[in-house]
Amino acid sequence: MKIVGACVPILAASLAVAGTNDYPTEARADYVFVCMKTNGETPEMLRHCSCSIDVIASLLPYDRYVAAQTVASLNQTRGQIGTMFRASEQLKVMLADLHRAEAEAEIRCF
């Protein structure tokens, strides 16, 4: 019985973290792979890149992250579609939120 009672705080903490950790493992791994490819494929960079996505995940819910990443990608498109994405104030705010989260991750992790 003591073992079960001892596990309750750990389980509660895990559930609390799970509520704020809505990034799928695949998305986290993809971020880390790209980060390491860009910055160097070393154990130290693995730690920095893993830290970075953890910070971003703590600041930006996954659905907003995906939307902002999509905007960032389409923002680079030339022509009418790219112009539409660059001109929208709502999309600029989404992109700014992503950039703030990335900047915070940079400060904390690198």
PDB file of N, CA and C in Angstrom:
ATOM      1  N   MET A   1       0.809  -1.194   0.000  1.00  0.00           N
ATOM      2  CA  MET A   1       0.000   0.000   0.000  1.00  0.00           C
ATOM      3  C   MET A   1       0.852   1.256   0.000  1.00  0.00           C
ATOM      4  N   LYS A   2       1.985   1.210   0.666  1.00  0.00           N
ATOM      5  CA  LYS A   2       2.861   2.373   0.706  1.00  0.00           C
ATOM      6  C   LYS A   2       3.377   2.731  -0.672  1.00  0.00           C
ATOM      7  N   ILE A   3       3.640   1.728  -1.483  1.00  0.00           N
ATOM      8  CA  ILE A   3       4.144   1.993  -2.834  1.00  0.00           C
ATOM      9  C   ILE A   3       3.112   2.756  -3.641  1.00  0.00           C
ATOM     10  N   VAL A   4       1.868   2.322  -3.576  1.00  0.00           N
ATOM     11  CA  VAL A   4       0.804   3.007  -4.311  1.00  0.00           C
ATOM     12  C   VAL A   4       0.660   4.442  -3.815  1.00  0.00           C
ATOM     13  N   GLY A   5       0.645   4.629  -2.483  1.00  0.00           N
ATOM     14  CA  GLY A   5       0.522   5.970  -1.921  1.00  0.00           C
ATOM     15  C   GLY A   5       1.679   6.867  -2.320  1.00  0.00           C
ATOM     16  N   ALA A   6       2.876   6.284  -2.408  1.00  0.00           N
ATOM     17  CA  ALA A   6       4.054   7.065  -2.794  1.00  0.00           C
ATOM     18  C   ALA A   6       3.983   7.474  -4.255  1.00  0.00           C
ATOM     19  N   CYS A   7       3.275   6.696  -5.071  1.00  0.00           N
ATOM     20  CA  CYS A   7       3.192   6.986  -6.506  1.00  0.00           C
ATOM     21  C   CYS A   7       2.171   8.068  -6.835  1.00  0.00           C
ATOM     22  N   VAL A   8       1.239   8.327  -5.942  1.00  0.00           N
ATOM     23  CA  VAL A   8       0.180   9.298  -6.218  1.00  0.00           C
ATOM     24  C   VAL A   8       0.735  10.682  -6.549  1.00  0.00           C
ATOM     25  N   PRO A   9       1.670  11.254  -5.759  1.00  0.00           N
ATOM     26  CA  PRO A   9       2.203  12.571  -6.131  1.00  0.00           C
ATOM     27  C   PRO A   9       2.929  12.548  -7.478  1.00  0.00           C
ATOM     28  N   ILE A  10       3.628  11.470  -7.749  1.00  0.00           N
ATOM     29  CA  ILE A  10       4.337  11.369  -9.029  1.00  0.00           C
ATOM     30  C   ILE A  10       3.337  11.302 -10.174  1.00  0.00           C
ATOM     31  N   LEU A  11       2.285  10.507 -10.008  1.00  0.00           N
ATOM     32  CA  LEU A  11       1.261  10.402 -11.035  1.00  0.00           C
ATOM     33  C   LEU A  11       0.573  11.739 -11.251  1.00  0.00           C
ATOM     34  N   ALA A  12       0.257  12.443 -10.174  1.00  0.00           N
ATOM     35  CA  ALA A  12      -0.385  13.752 -10.289  1.00  0.00           C
ATOM     36  C   ALA A  12       0.512  14.739 -11.019  1.00  0.00           C
ATOM     37  N   ALA A  13       1.795  14.713 -10.700  1.00  0.00           N
ATOM     38  CA  ALA A  13       2.743  15.601 -11.387  1.00  0.00           C
ATOM     39  C   ALA A  13       2.835  15.244 -12.857  1.00  0.00           C
ATOM     40  N   SER A  14       2.852  13.956 -13.156  1.00  0.00           N
ATOM     41  CA  SER A  14       2.922  13.506 -14.552  1.00  0.00           C
ATOM     42  C   SER A  14       1.698  13.950 -15.328  1.00  0.00           C
ATOM     43  N   LEU A  15       0.528  13.845 -14.719  1.00  0.00           N
ATOM     44  CA  LEU A  15      -0.697  14.267 -15.391  1.00  0.00           C
ATOM     45  C   LEU A  15      -0.716  15.774 -15.604  1.00  0.00           C
ATOM     46  N   ALA A  16      -0.200  16.535 -14.652  1.00  0.00           N
ATOM     47  CA  ALA A  16      -0.137  17.992 -14.808  1.00  0.00           C
ATOM     48  C   ALA A  16       0.773  18.363 -15.960  1.00  0.00           C
ATOM     49  N   VAL A  17       1.924  17.691 -16.048  1.00  0.00           N
ATOM     50  CA  VAL A  17       2.849  17.951 -17.148  1.00  0.00           C
ATOM     51  C   VAL A  17       2.227  17.532 -18.468  1.00  0.00           C
ATOM     52  N   ALA A  18       1.542  16.394 -18.481  1.00  0.00           N
ATOM     53  CA  ALA A  18       0.915  15.904 -19.711  1.00  0.00           C
ATOM     54  C   ALA A  18      -0.102  16.903 -20.242  1.00  0.00           C
ATOM     55  N   GLY A  19      -0.784  17.612 -19.349  1.00  0.00           N
ATOM     56  CA  GLY A  19      -1.746  18.607 -19.783  1.00  0.00           C
ATOM     57  C   GLY A  19      -1.097  19.768 -20.508  1.00  0.00           C
ATOM     58  N   THR A  20       0.131  20.102 -20.154  1.00  0.00           N
ATOM     59  CA  THR A  20       0.826  21.201 -20.809  1.00  0.00           C
ATOM     60  C   THR A  20       1.764  20.706 -21.901  1.00  0.00           C
ATOM     61  N   ASN A  21       1.934  19.403 -21.994  1.00  0.00           N
ATOM     62  CA  ASN A  21       2.847  18.812 -22.967  1.00  0.00           C
ATOM     63  C   ASN A  21       2.038  18.176 -24.078  1.00  0.00           C
ATOM     64  N   ASP A  22       1.556  18.986 -24.996  1.00  0.00           N
ATOM     65  CA  ASP A  22       0.714  18.454 -26.055  1.00  0.00           C
ATOM     66  C   ASP A  22       1.463  18.280 -27.380  1.00  0.00           C
ATOM     67  N   TYR A  23       2.780  18.391 -27.366  1.00  0.00           N
ATOM     68  CA  TYR A  23       3.563  18.189 -28.573  1.00  0.00           C
ATOM     69  C   TYR A  23       3.800  16.691 -28.765  1.00  0.00           C
ATOM     70  N   PRO A  24       3.442  16.137 -29.921  1.00  0.00           N
ATOM     71  CA  PRO A  24       3.723  14.722 -30.158  1.00  0.00           C
ATOM     72  C   PRO A  24       5.233  14.474 -30.212  1.00  0.00           C
ATOM     73  N   THR A  25       5.629  13.287 -29.839  1.00  0.00           N
ATOM     74  CA  THR A  25       7.044  12.922 -29.854  1.00  0.00           C
ATOM     75  C   THR A  25       7.641  13.135 -31.239  1.00  0.00           C
ATOM     76  N   GLU A  26       6.897  12.791 -32.270  1.00  0.00           N
ATOM     77  CA  GLU A  26       7.383  12.947 -33.643  1.00  0.00           C
ATOM     78  C   GLU A  26       7.716  14.412 -33.954  1.00  0.00           C
ATOM     79  N   ALA A  27       6.890  15.333 -33.497  1.00  0.00           N
ATOM     80  CA  ALA A  27       7.142  16.756 -33.739  1.00  0.00           C
ATOM     81  C   ALA A  27       8.388  17.216 -32.992  1.00  0.00           C
ATOM     82  N   ARG A  28       8.534  16.759 -31.750  1.00  0.00           N
ATOM     83  CA  ARG A  28       9.727  17.109 -30.976  1.00  0.00           C
ATOM     84  C   ARG A  28      10.980  16.542 -31.634  1.00  0.00           C
ATOM     85  N   ALA A  29      10.915  15.283 -32.053  1.00  0.00           N
ATOM     86  CA  ALA A  29      12.072  14.647 -32.690  1.00  0.00           C
ATOM     87  C   ALA A  29      12.427  15.365 -33.987  1.00  0.00           C
ATOM     88  N   ASP A  30      11.424  15.709 -34.780  1.00  0.00           N
ATOM     89  CA  ASP A  30      11.672  16.419 -36.035  1.00  0.00           C
ATOM     90  C   ASP A  30      12.375  17.749 -35.770  1.00  0.00           C
ATOM     91  N   TYR A  31      11.916  18.487 -34.772  1.00  0.00           N
ATOM     92  CA  TYR A  31      12.547  19.754 -34.413  1.00  0.00           C
ATOM     93  C   TYR A  31      14.010  19.537 -34.034  1.00  0.00           C
ATOM     94  N   VAL A  32      14.262  18.530 -33.196  1.00  0.00           N
ATOM     95  CA  VAL A  32      15.622  18.258 -32.728  1.00  0.00           C
ATOM     96  C   VAL A  32      16.514  17.848 -33.898  1.00  0.00           C
ATOM     97  N   PHE A  33      16.012  17.004 -34.802  1.00  0.00           N
ATOM     98  CA  PHE A  33      16.816  16.585 -35.960  1.00  0.00           C
ATOM     99  C   PHE A  33      17.204  17.787 -36.818  1.00  0.00           C
ATOM    100  N   VAL A  34      16.260  18.651 -37.107  1.00  0.00           N
ATOM    101  CA  VAL A  34      16.543  19.837 -37.934  1.00  0.00           C
ATOM    102  C   VAL A  34      17.508  20.768 -37.206  1.00  0.00           C
ATOM    103  N   CYS A  35      17.272  20.978 -35.927  1.00  0.00           N
ATOM    104  CA  CYS A  35      18.148  21.840 -35.117  1.00  0.00           C
ATOM    105  C   CYS A  35      19.579  21.309 -35.130  1.00  0.00           C
ATOM    106  N   MET A  36      19.728  20.013 -34.939  1.00  0.00           N
ATOM    107  CA  MET A  36      21.074  19.424 -34.919  1.00  0.00           C
ATOM    108  C   MET A  36      21.722  19.478 -36.304  1.00  0.00           C
ATOM    109  N   LYS A  37      20.949  19.280 -37.340  1.00  0.00           N
ATOM    110  CA  LYS A  37      21.485  19.353 -38.698  1.00  0.00           C
ATOM    111  C   LYS A  37      22.007  20.760 -38.979  1.00  0.00           C
ATOM    112  N   THR A  38      21.317  21.746 -38.432  1.00  0.00           N
ATOM    113  CA  THR A  38      21.686  23.143 -38.639  1.00  0.00           C
ATOM    114  C   THR A  38      22.876  23.564 -37.779  1.00  0.00           C
ATOM    115  N   ASN A  39      22.921  23.075 -36.545  1.00  0.00           N
ATOM    116  CA  ASN A  39      23.894  23.565 -35.568  1.00  0.00           C
ATOM    117  C   ASN A  39      25.042  22.619 -35.250  1.00  0.00           C
ATOM    118  N   GLY A  40      24.973  21.411 -35.726  1.00  0.00           N
ATOM    119  CA  GLY A  40      26.029  20.441 -35.438  1.00  0.00           C
ATOM    120  C   GLY A  40      25.457  19.196 -34.792  1.00  0.00           C
ATOM    121  N   GLU A  41      25.957  18.088 -35.190  1.00  0.00           N
ATOM    122  CA  GLU A  41      25.424  16.808 -34.716  1.00  0.00           C
ATOM    123  C   GLU A  41      26.304  16.254 -33.600  1.00  0.00           C
ATOM    124  N   THR A  42      26.263  16.924 -32.462  1.00  0.00           N
ATOM    125  CA  THR A  42      27.065  16.535 -31.307  1.00  0.00           C
ATOM    126  C   THR A  42      26.135  16.263 -30.126  1.00  0.00           C
ATOM    127  N   PRO A  43      26.617  15.518 -29.146  1.00  0.00           N
ATOM    128  CA  PRO A  43      25.807  15.305 -27.938  1.00  0.00           C
ATOM    129  C   PRO A  43      25.418  16.621 -27.252  1.00  0.00           C
ATOM    130  N   GLU A  44      26.332  17.572 -27.249  1.00  0.00           N
ATOM    131  CA  GLU A  44      26.026  18.872 -26.648  1.00  0.00           C
ATOM    132  C   GLU A  44      24.879  19.554 -27.393  1.00  0.00           C
ATOM    133  N   MET A  45      24.900  19.494 -28.722  1.00  0.00           N
ATOM    134  CA  MET A  45      23.838  20.119 -29.498  1.00  0.00           C
ATOM    135  C   MET A  45      22.512  19.380 -29.312  1.00  0.00           C
ATOM    136  N   LEU A  46      22.568  18.072 -29.097  1.00  0.00           N
ATOM    137  CA  LEU A  46      21.355  17.306 -28.787  1.00  0.00           C
ATOM    138  C   LEU A  46      20.698  17.871 -27.524  1.00  0.00           C
ATOM    139  N   ARG A  47      21.498  18.147 -26.516  1.00  0.00           N
ATOM    140  CA  ARG A  47      20.971  18.721 -25.277  1.00  0.00           C
ATOM    141  C   ARG A  47      20.381  20.116 -25.518  1.00  0.00           C
ATOM    142  N   HIS A  48      21.089  20.942 -26.267  1.00  0.00           N
ATOM    143  CA  HIS A  48      20.604  22.299 -26.547  1.00  0.00           C
ATOM    144  C   HIS A  48      19.302  22.270 -27.347  1.00  0.00           C
ATOM    145  N   CYS A  49      19.266  21.451 -28.377  1.00  0.00           N
ATOM    146  CA  CYS A  49      18.090  21.388 -29.249  1.00  0.00           C
ATOM    147  C   CYS A  49      16.885  20.796 -28.513  1.00  0.00           C
ATOM    148  N   SER A  50      17.126  19.783 -27.684  1.00  0.00           N
ATOM    149  CA  SER A  50      16.042  19.195 -26.892  1.00  0.00           C
ATOM    150  C   SER A  50      15.495  20.219 -25.910  1.00  0.00           C
ATOM    151  N   CYS A  51      16.371  20.952 -25.288  1.00  0.00           N
ATOM    152  CA  CYS A  51      15.968  22.018 -24.377  1.00  0.00           C
ATOM    153  C   CYS A  51      15.127  23.053 -25.126  1.00  0.00           C
ATOM    154  N   SER A  52      15.559  23.400 -26.315  1.00  0.00           N
ATOM    155  CA  SER A  52      14.899  24.425 -27.099  1.00  0.00           C
ATOM    156  C   SER A  52      13.441  24.077 -27.399  1.00  0.00           C
ATOM    157  N   ILE A  53      13.187  22.851 -27.866  1.00  0.00           N
ATOM    158  CA  ILE A  53      11.799  22.483 -28.170  1.00  0.00           C
ATOM    159  C   ILE A  53      10.983  22.374 -26.891  1.00  0.00           C
ATOM    160  N   ASP A  54      11.612  21.993 -25.790  1.00  0.00           N
ATOM    161  CA  ASP A  54      10.892  21.951 -24.514  1.00  0.00           C
ATOM    162  C   ASP A  54      10.444  23.349 -24.097  1.00  0.00           C
ATOM    163  N   VAL A  55      11.307  24.330 -24.275  1.00  0.00           N
ATOM    164  CA  VAL A  55      10.951  25.710 -23.933  1.00  0.00           C
ATOM    165  C   VAL A  55       9.835  26.206 -24.846  1.00  0.00           C
ATOM    166  N   ILE A  56       9.977  25.963 -26.144  1.00  0.00           N
ATOM    167  CA  ILE A  56       8.933  26.387 -27.085  1.00  0.00           C
ATOM    168  C   ILE A  56       7.600  25.742 -26.710  1.00  0.00           C
ATOM    169  N   ALA A  57       7.634  24.449 -26.391  1.00  0.00           N
ATOM    170  CA  ALA A  57       6.399  23.740 -26.017  1.00  0.00           C
ATOM    171  C   ALA A  57       5.783  24.296 -24.742  1.00  0.00           C
ATOM    172  N   SER A  58       6.612  24.798 -23.841  1.00  0.00           N
ATOM    173  CA  SER A  58       6.080  25.358 -22.599  1.00  0.00           C
ATOM    174  C   SER A  58       5.439  26.722 -22.822  1.00  0.00           C
ATOM    175  N   LEU A  59       5.786  27.383 -23.912  1.00  0.00           N
ATOM    176  CA  LEU A  59       5.286  28.733 -24.181  1.00  0.00           C
ATOM    177  C   LEU A  59       4.179  28.798 -25.215  1.00  0.00           C
ATOM    178  N   LEU A  60       4.126  27.804 -26.093  1.00  0.00           N
ATOM    179  CA  LEU A  60       3.209  27.851 -27.230  1.00  0.00           C
ATOM    180  C   LEU A  60       2.500  26.513 -27.376  1.00  0.00           C
ATOM    181  N   PRO A  61       1.172  26.471 -27.251  1.00  0.00           N
ATOM    182  CA  PRO A  61       0.457  25.210 -27.446  1.00  0.00           C
ATOM    183  C   PRO A  61       0.731  24.641 -28.841  1.00  0.00           C
ATOM    184  N   TYR A  62       0.662  23.337 -28.952  1.00  0.00           N
ATOM    185  CA  TYR A  62       1.048  22.674 -30.196  1.00  0.00           C
ATOM    186  C   TYR A  62       0.247  23.170 -31.398  1.00  0.00           C
ATOM    187  N   ASP A  63      -1.050  23.353 -31.265  1.00  0.00           N
ATOM    188  CA  ASP A  63      -1.840  23.799 -32.414  1.00  0.00           C
ATOM    189  C   ASP A  63      -1.395  25.176 -32.894  1.00  0.00           C
ATOM    190  N   ARG A  64      -1.046  26.065 -31.970  1.00  0.00           N
ATOM    191  CA  ARG A  64      -0.541  27.390 -32.362  1.00  0.00           C
ATOM    192  C   ARG A  64       0.845  27.287 -32.986  1.00  0.00           C
ATOM    193  N   TYR A  65       1.671  26.363 -32.483  1.00  0.00           N
ATOM    194  CA  TYR A  65       3.007  26.134 -33.051  1.00  0.00           C
ATOM    195  C   TYR A  65       2.896  25.675 -34.503  1.00  0.00           C
ATOM    196  N   VAL A  66       2.026  24.690 -34.758  1.00  0.00           N
ATOM    197  CA  VAL A  66       1.844  24.172 -36.114  1.00  0.00           C
ATOM    198  C   VAL A  66       1.331  25.270 -37.040  1.00  0.00           C
ATOM    199  N   ALA A  67       0.362  26.037 -36.570  1.00  0.00           N
ATOM    200  CA  ALA A  67      -0.182  27.125 -37.390  1.00  0.00           C
ATOM    201  C   ALA A  67       0.896  28.163 -37.701  1.00  0.00           C
ATOM    202  N   ALA A  68       1.686  28.522 -36.704  1.00  0.00           N
ATOM    203  CA  ALA A  68       2.740  29.522 -36.908  1.00  0.00           C
ATOM    204  C   ALA A  68       3.831  28.984 -37.829  1.00  0.00           C
ATOM    205  N   GLN A  69       4.170  27.712 -37.706  1.00  0.00           N
ATOM    206  CA  GLN A  69       5.166  27.109 -38.609  1.00  0.00           C
ATOM    207  C   GLN A  69       4.654  27.128 -40.047  1.00  0.00           C
ATOM    208  N   THR A  70       3.373  26.866 -40.214  1.00  0.00           N
ATOM    209  CA  THR A  70       2.765  26.909 -41.551  1.00  0.00           C
ATOM    210  C   THR A  70       2.817  28.312 -42.114  1.00  0.00           C
ATOM    211  N   VAL A  71       2.483  29.296 -41.293  1.00  0.00           N
ATOM    212  CA  VAL A  71       2.548  30.696 -41.722  1.00  0.00           C
ATOM    213  C   VAL A  71       3.984  31.059 -42.090  1.00  0.00           C
ATOM    214  N   ALA A  72       4.942  30.643 -41.285  1.00  0.00           N
ATOM    215  CA  ALA A  72       6.348  30.945 -41.560  1.00  0.00           C
ATOM    216  C   ALA A  72       6.769  30.362 -42.909  1.00  0.00           C
ATOM    217  N   SER A  73       6.318  29.159 -43.177  1.00  0.00           N
ATOM    218  CA  SER A  73       6.656  28.514 -44.448  1.00  0.00           C
ATOM    219  C   SER A  73       6.000  29.232 -45.624  1.00  0.00           C
ATOM    220  N   LEU A  74       4.718  29.531 -45.496  1.00  0.00           N
ATOM    221  CA  LEU A  74       3.999  30.197 -46.582  1.00  0.00           C
ATOM    222  C   LEU A  74       4.413  31.655 -46.734  1.00  0.00           C
ATOM    223  N   ASN A  75       4.929  32.228 -45.672  1.00  0.00           N
ATOM    224  CA  ASN A  75       5.399  33.609 -45.697  1.00  0.00           C
ATOM    225  C   ASN A  75       6.572  33.780 -46.659  1.00  0.00           C
ATOM    226  N   GLN A  76       7.282  32.697 -46.917  1.00  0.00           N
ATOM    227  CA  GLN A  76       8.432  32.744 -47.819  1.00  0.00           C
ATOM    228  C   GLN A  76       8.045  32.546 -49.279  1.00  0.00           C
ATOM    229  N   THR A  77       6.777  32.213 -49.512  1.00  0.00           N
ATOM    230  CA  THR A  77       6.296  31.980 -50.864  1.00  0.00           C
ATOM    231  C   THR A  77       6.225  33.298 -51.633  1.00  0.00           C
ATOM    232  N   ARG A  78       6.636  33.250 -52.863  1.00  0.00           N
ATOM    233  CA  ARG A  78       6.559  34.450 -53.708  1.00  0.00           C
ATOM    234  C   ARG A  78       5.178  34.559 -54.328  1.00  0.00           C
ATOM    235  N   GLY A  79       4.888  35.716 -54.848  1.00  0.00           N
ATOM    236  CA  GLY A  79       3.634  35.916 -55.554  1.00  0.00           C
ATOM    237  C   GLY A  79       2.493  36.296 -54.637  1.00  0.00           C
ATOM    238  N   GLN A  80       1.282  36.114 -55.153  1.00  0.00           N
ATOM    239  CA  GLN A  80       0.076  36.566 -54.478  1.00  0.00           C
ATOM    240  C   GLN A  80      -0.145  35.842 -53.146  1.00  0.00           C
ATOM    241  N   ILE A  81       0.101  34.562 -53.097  1.00  0.00           N
ATOM    242  CA  ILE A  81      -0.113  33.810 -51.853  1.00  0.00           C
ATOM    243  C   ILE A  81       0.838  34.305 -50.772  1.00  0.00           C
ATOM    244  N   GLY A  82       2.106  34.458 -51.099  1.00  0.00           N
ATOM    245  CA  GLY A  82       3.071  34.962 -50.131  1.00  0.00           C
ATOM    246  C   GLY A  82       2.722  36.350 -49.650  1.00  0.00           C
ATOM    247  N   THR A  83       2.285  37.204 -50.557  1.00  0.00           N
ATOM    248  CA  THR A  83       1.897  38.569 -50.208  1.00  0.00           C
ATOM    249  C   THR A  83       0.712  38.558 -49.258  1.00  0.00           C
ATOM    250  N   MET A  84      -0.240  37.678 -49.508  1.00  0.00           N
ATOM    251  CA  MET A  84      -1.422  37.576 -48.651  1.00  0.00           C
ATOM    252  C   MET A  84      -1.003  37.202 -47.212  1.00  0.00           C
ATOM    253  N   PHE A  85      -0.068  36.275 -47.078  1.00  0.00           N
ATOM    254  CA  PHE A  85       0.376  35.859 -45.754  1.00  0.00           C
ATOM    255  C   PHE A  85       1.201  36.945 -45.072  1.00  0.00           C
ATOM    256  N   ARG A  86       1.986  37.672 -45.828  1.00  0.00           N
ATOM    257  CA  ARG A  86       2.807  38.732 -45.234  1.00  0.00           C
ATOM    258  C   ARG A  86       1.978  39.951 -44.845  1.00  0.00           C
ATOM    259  N   ALA A  87       0.827  40.148 -45.473  1.00  0.00           N
ATOM    260  CA  ALA A  87       0.010  41.340 -45.235  1.00  0.00           C
ATOM    261  C   ALA A  87      -0.973  41.176 -44.074  1.00  0.00           C
ATOM    262  N   SER A  88      -1.316  39.971 -43.714  1.00  0.00           N
ATOM    263  CA  SER A  88      -2.333  39.730 -42.692  1.00  0.00           C
ATOM    264  C   SER A  88      -1.797  40.044 -41.291  1.00  0.00           C
ATOM    265  N   GLU A  89      -2.500  40.918 -40.577  1.00  0.00           N
ATOM    266  CA  GLU A  89      -2.098  41.274 -39.212  1.00  0.00           C
ATOM    267  C   GLU A  89      -2.217  40.077 -38.271  1.00  0.00           C
ATOM    268  N   GLN A  90      -3.270  39.305 -38.423  1.00  0.00           N
ATOM    269  CA  GLN A  90      -3.465  38.131 -37.568  1.00  0.00           C
ATOM    270  C   GLN A  90      -2.318  37.134 -37.755  1.00  0.00           C
ATOM    271  N   LEU A  91      -1.902  36.935 -38.979  1.00  0.00           N
ATOM    272  CA  LEU A  91      -0.816  36.005 -39.255  1.00  0.00           C
ATOM    273  C   LEU A  91       0.526  36.562 -38.776  1.00  0.00           C
ATOM    274  N   LYS A  92       0.676  37.882 -38.833  1.00  0.00           N
ATOM    275  CA  LYS A  92       1.892  38.511 -38.297  1.00  0.00           C
ATOM    276  C   LYS A  92       2.005  38.265 -36.795  1.00  0.00           C
ATOM    277  N   VAL A  93       0.870  38.316 -36.094  1.00  0.00           N
ATOM    278  CA  VAL A  93       0.852  38.071 -34.649  1.00  0.00           C
ATOM    279  C   VAL A  93       1.244  36.622 -34.365  1.00  0.00           C
ATOM    280  N   MET A  94       0.711  35.692 -35.152  1.00  0.00           N
ATOM    281  CA  MET A  94       1.057  34.275 -34.975  1.00  0.00           C
ATOM    282  C   MET A  94       2.554  34.063 -35.149  1.00  0.00           C
ATOM    283  N   LEU A  95       3.103  34.688 -36.168  1.00  0.00           N
ATOM    284  CA  LEU A  95       4.530  34.568 -36.449  1.00  0.00           C
ATOM    285  C   LEU A  95       5.364  35.217 -35.342  1.00  0.00           C
ATOM    286  N   ALA A  96       4.908  36.338 -34.839  1.00  0.00           N
ATOM    287  CA  ALA A  96       5.614  37.016 -33.751  1.00  0.00           C
ATOM    288  C   ALA A  96       5.620  36.147 -32.489  1.00  0.00           C
ATOM    289  N   ASP A  97       4.514  35.464 -32.214  1.00  0.00           N
ATOM    290  CA  ASP A  97       4.460  34.557 -31.052  1.00  0.00           C
ATOM    291  C   ASP A  97       5.493  33.438 -31.200  1.00  0.00           C
ATOM    292  N   LEU A  98       5.596  32.879 -32.396  1.00  0.00           N
ATOM    293  CA  LEU A  98       6.575  31.825 -32.645  1.00  0.00           C
ATOM    294  C   LEU A  98       7.990  32.367 -32.473  1.00  0.00           C
ATOM    295  N   HIS A  99       8.254  33.537 -33.011  1.00  0.00           N
ATOM    296  CA  HIS A  99       9.597  34.121 -32.907  1.00  0.00           C
ATOM    297  C   HIS A  99       9.969  34.434 -31.454  1.00  0.00           C
ATOM    298  N   ARG A 100       8.981  34.884 -30.674  1.00  0.00           N
ATOM    299  CA  ARG A 100       9.244  35.136 -29.252  1.00  0.00           C
ATOM    300  C   ARG A 100       9.585  33.836 -28.524  1.00  0.00           C
ATOM    301  N   ALA A 101       8.846  32.777 -28.808  1.00  0.00           N
ATOM    302  CA  ALA A 101       9.113  31.485 -28.168  1.00  0.00           C
ATOM    303  C   ALA A 101      10.488  30.965 -28.579  1.00  0.00           C
ATOM    304  N   GLU A 102      10.824  31.114 -29.846  1.00  0.00           N
ATOM    305  CA  GLU A 102      12.143  30.680 -30.328  1.00  0.00           C
ATOM    306  C   GLU A 102      13.259  31.502 -29.690  1.00  0.00           C
ATOM    307  N   ALA A 103      13.045  32.799 -29.543  1.00  0.00           N
ATOM    308  CA  ALA A 103      14.042  33.666 -28.923  1.00  0.00           C
ATOM    309  C   ALA A 103      14.242  33.293 -27.464  1.00  0.00           C
ATOM    310  N   GLU A 104      13.169  33.005 -26.761  1.00  0.00           N
ATOM    311  CA  GLU A 104      13.271  32.588 -25.363  1.00  0.00           C
ATOM    312  C   GLU A 104      14.024  31.268 -25.257  1.00  0.00           C
ATOM    313  N   ALA A 105      13.745  30.353 -26.170  1.00  0.00           N
ATOM    314  CA  ALA A 105      14.445  29.066 -26.201  1.00  0.00           C
ATOM    315  C   ALA A 105      15.933  29.269 -26.469  1.00  0.00           C
ATOM    316  N   GLU A 106      16.253  30.191 -27.327  1.00  0.00           N
ATOM    317  CA  GLU A 106      17.645  30.510 -27.640  1.00  0.00           C
ATOM    318  C   GLU A 106      18.374  31.016 -26.385  1.00  0.00           C
ATOM    319  N   ILE A 107      17.711  31.907 -25.668  1.00  0.00           N
ATOM    320  CA  ILE A 107      18.303  32.486 -24.461  1.00  0.00           C
ATOM    321  C   ILE A 107      18.516  31.416 -23.390  1.00  0.00           C
ATOM    322  N   ARG A 108      17.518  30.585 -23.177  1.00  0.00           N
ATOM    323  CA  ARG A 108      17.581  29.597 -22.104  1.00  0.00           C
ATOM    324  C   ARG A 108      18.477  28.390 -22.429  1.00  0.00           C
ATOM    325  N   CYS A 109      18.606  28.051 -23.694  1.00  0.00           N
ATOM    326  CA  CYS A 109      19.224  26.764 -24.048  1.00  0.00           C
ATOM    327  C   CYS A 109      20.577  26.850 -24.739  1.00  0.00           C
ATOM    328  N   PHE A 110      20.884  27.969 -25.345  1.00  0.00           N
ATOM    329  CA  PHE A 110      22.123  28.006 -26.135  1.00  0.00           C
ATOM    330  C   PHE A 110      23.149  28.939 -25.558  1.00  0.00           C
TER     331      PHE A 110
END
